[in-house]
Amino acid sequence: MRLVIFLVSLFITFTAFAEQDKYQFDDKEQAVRFSELTKELRCPKCQNQNIADSDAVVAKDLRDKVLALVKDGKSKDEVIDYMIDRYGYFVHYDPPVTPATLVLWVLPVLIVVSWLWLYCFTPTQGISETNMDRARRSITCKIN
């Protein structure tokens, strides 16, 4: 009985191993470039997960396309440019600085600085007791 339980548990553990994509490269430089690119490119479906770690179908397609481009002899920048042209800046973890991204970074800082300026340097007049008494008398006189 122990032998049967052992064999069943052994069978279950062998089937639990996940199958990982095996890619063949012509040289080690291509393998290194492929690894760097798959860790640097973001999966369009999975939020904040690179295509090396993602199990999504689109990530598999992107890995296959990166593999094809690397085997064609494309440089790292050429592959990244291809992916950006096809999927937009979202696919790259390190997007370039553009006027739109500058607005996103500068505008909140300008809002905070202008709020602090208005808060600290604009004169404020509080309502004193005498002004409050005058206001009350004015209201009570008009009511009577």
Protein backbone atom coordinates (compact mmCIF):
# COMPACT_ATOMS: atom_id res chain seq x y z
CA MET A 1 0.00 0.00 0.00
CA ARG A 2 2.85 2.36 0.82
CA LEU A 3 4.38 1.66 -2.56
CA VAL A 4 1.14 2.63 -4.31
CA ILE A 5 0.88 5.89 -2.33
CA PHE A 6 4.52 6.64 -3.09
CA LEU A 7 4.07 6.03 -6.82
CA VAL A 8 0.89 8.13 -6.98
CA SER A 9 2.55 11.02 -5.15
CA LEU A 10 5.59 10.71 -7.40
CA PHE A 11 3.35 10.83 -10.47
CA ILE A 12 1.54 13.91 -9.14
CA THR A 13 4.80 15.77 -8.51
CA PHE A 14 6.05 15.04 -12.02
CA THR A 15 2.86 16.40 -13.53
CA ALA A 16 3.05 19.53 -11.37
CA PHE A 17 6.17 20.83 -13.09
CA ALA A 18 5.30 23.77 -15.33
CA GLU A 19 6.45 23.64 -18.88
CA GLN A 20 8.77 26.49 -19.73
CA ASP A 21 9.47 27.78 -23.21
CA LYS A 22 12.78 26.53 -24.54
CA TYR A 23 14.36 28.79 -27.11
CA GLN A 24 17.31 27.91 -29.30
CA PHE A 25 19.88 30.60 -30.10
CA ASP A 26 22.75 30.72 -32.54
CA ASP A 27 25.16 32.16 -29.97
CA LYS A 28 25.30 33.29 -26.34
CA GLU A 29 25.06 37.00 -27.28
CA GLN A 30 21.60 36.42 -28.78
CA ALA A 31 20.47 34.61 -25.64
CA VAL A 32 21.67 37.48 -23.43
CA ARG A 33 19.99 40.10 -25.65
CA PHE A 34 16.73 38.08 -25.67
CA SER A 35 16.81 37.78 -21.89
CA GLU A 36 17.44 41.52 -21.43
CA LEU A 37 14.66 42.45 -23.84
CA THR A 38 12.05 40.15 -22.34
CA LYS A 39 12.78 41.58 -18.89
CA GLU A 40 12.65 45.16 -20.19
CA LEU A 41 9.43 44.91 -22.20
CA ARG A 42 6.07 45.03 -20.39
CA CYS A 43 3.15 42.78 -21.16
CA PRO A 44 0.26 44.84 -22.61
CA LYS A 45 -2.32 42.65 -20.88
CA CYS A 46 -0.69 42.18 -17.47
CA GLN A 47 -0.21 45.35 -15.48
CA ASN A 48 3.42 45.83 -14.38
CA GLN A 49 4.68 42.41 -15.40
CA ASN A 50 7.36 41.88 -18.00
CA ILE A 51 6.92 39.48 -20.90
CA ALA A 52 9.51 37.09 -19.46
CA ASP A 53 7.36 36.43 -16.39
CA SER A 54 3.90 36.71 -17.93
CA ASP A 55 1.81 33.68 -18.88
CA ALA A 56 -0.57 35.68 -21.09
CA VAL A 57 -0.98 34.68 -24.71
CA VAL A 58 0.04 38.14 -25.90
CA ALA A 59 3.24 37.88 -23.84
CA LYS A 60 4.05 34.56 -25.54
CA ASP A 61 3.46 36.22 -28.92
CA LEU A 62 5.74 39.10 -27.92
CA ARG A 63 8.46 36.69 -26.78
CA ASP A 64 8.21 34.87 -30.11
CA LYS A 65 8.45 38.16 -32.01
CA VAL A 66 11.44 39.28 -29.92
CA LEU A 67 13.07 35.93 -30.64
CA ALA A 68 12.50 36.33 -34.38
CA LEU A 69 13.88 39.89 -34.35
CA VAL A 70 16.93 38.87 -32.30
CA LYS A 71 17.62 35.96 -34.65
CA ASP A 72 17.31 38.38 -37.60
CA GLY A 73 20.22 40.31 -36.11
CA LYS A 74 18.27 43.33 -34.88
CA SER A 75 19.87 45.38 -32.13
CA LYS A 76 18.26 45.96 -28.74
CA ASP A 77 17.19 49.50 -29.70
CA GLU A 78 15.69 48.32 -32.98
CA VAL A 79 13.60 45.67 -31.20
CA ILE A 80 12.42 48.20 -28.61
CA ASP A 81 11.54 50.71 -31.34
CA TYR A 82 9.56 48.02 -33.18
CA MET A 83 7.59 47.16 -30.05
CA ILE A 84 6.94 50.82 -29.23
CA ASP A 85 5.71 51.46 -32.78
CA ARG A 86 3.36 48.52 -32.51
CA TYR A 87 2.15 48.76 -28.88
CA GLY A 88 2.98 52.30 -27.77
CA TYR A 89 5.21 53.60 -24.99
CA PHE A 90 3.38 51.47 -22.41
CA VAL A 91 5.22 48.35 -23.57
CA HIS A 92 8.59 49.75 -22.46
CA TYR A 93 9.46 50.14 -18.78
CA ASP A 94 11.69 53.15 -19.48
CA PRO A 95 9.70 55.46 -21.77
CA PRO A 96 11.44 58.50 -23.29
CA VAL A 97 10.87 62.03 -22.06
CA THR A 98 8.31 63.75 -24.29
CA PRO A 99 6.31 66.97 -23.86
CA ALA A 100 3.35 64.90 -22.63
CA THR A 101 5.41 63.18 -19.93
CA LEU A 102 6.95 66.49 -18.90
CA VAL A 103 3.47 67.91 -18.33
CA LEU A 104 2.61 64.89 -16.18
CA TRP A 105 5.68 65.46 -14.00
CA VAL A 106 5.74 69.27 -13.87
CA LEU A 107 2.04 70.11 -13.52
CA PRO A 108 1.53 68.59 -10.03
CA VAL A 109 4.63 70.38 -8.76
CA LEU A 110 3.38 73.69 -10.16
CA ILE A 111 -0.02 73.17 -8.54
CA VAL A 112 1.53 72.50 -5.14
CA VAL A 113 3.93 75.46 -5.40
CA SER A 114 1.15 77.83 -6.48
CA TRP A 115 -1.10 76.62 -3.66
CA LEU A 116 1.72 77.21 -1.14
CA TRP A 117 2.34 80.66 -2.62
CA LEU A 118 -1.31 81.61 -2.30
CA TYR A 119 -1.55 80.17 1.19
CA CYS A 120 1.60 81.81 2.54
CA PHE A 121 1.74 85.16 0.77
CA THR A 122 -1.85 86.35 0.34
CA PRO A 123 -3.11 88.65 3.08
CA THR A 124 -5.94 87.26 5.13
CA GLN A 125 -8.41 89.30 7.13
CA GLY A 126 -10.21 87.59 9.91
CA ILE A 127 -13.53 88.77 11.27
CA SER A 128 -12.85 90.58 14.52
CA GLU A 129 -15.29 90.69 17.42
CA THR A 130 -16.29 94.25 16.66
CA ASN A 131 -17.07 93.41 13.05
CA MET A 132 -19.08 90.40 14.18
CA ASP A 133 -21.08 92.57 16.64
CA ARG A 134 -21.79 95.12 13.89
CA ALA A 135 -22.98 92.36 11.61
CA ARG A 136 -25.33 91.00 14.29
CA ARG A 137 -26.78 94.44 15.03
CA SER A 138 -27.26 95.09 11.34
CA ILE A 139 -29.15 91.85 10.92
CA THR A 140 -31.30 92.33 14.03
CA CYS A 141 -32.15 95.93 13.07
CA LYS A 142 -33.31 94.84 9.61
CA ILE A 143 -35.42 92.05 11.02
CA ASN A 144 -37.21 94.34 13.54
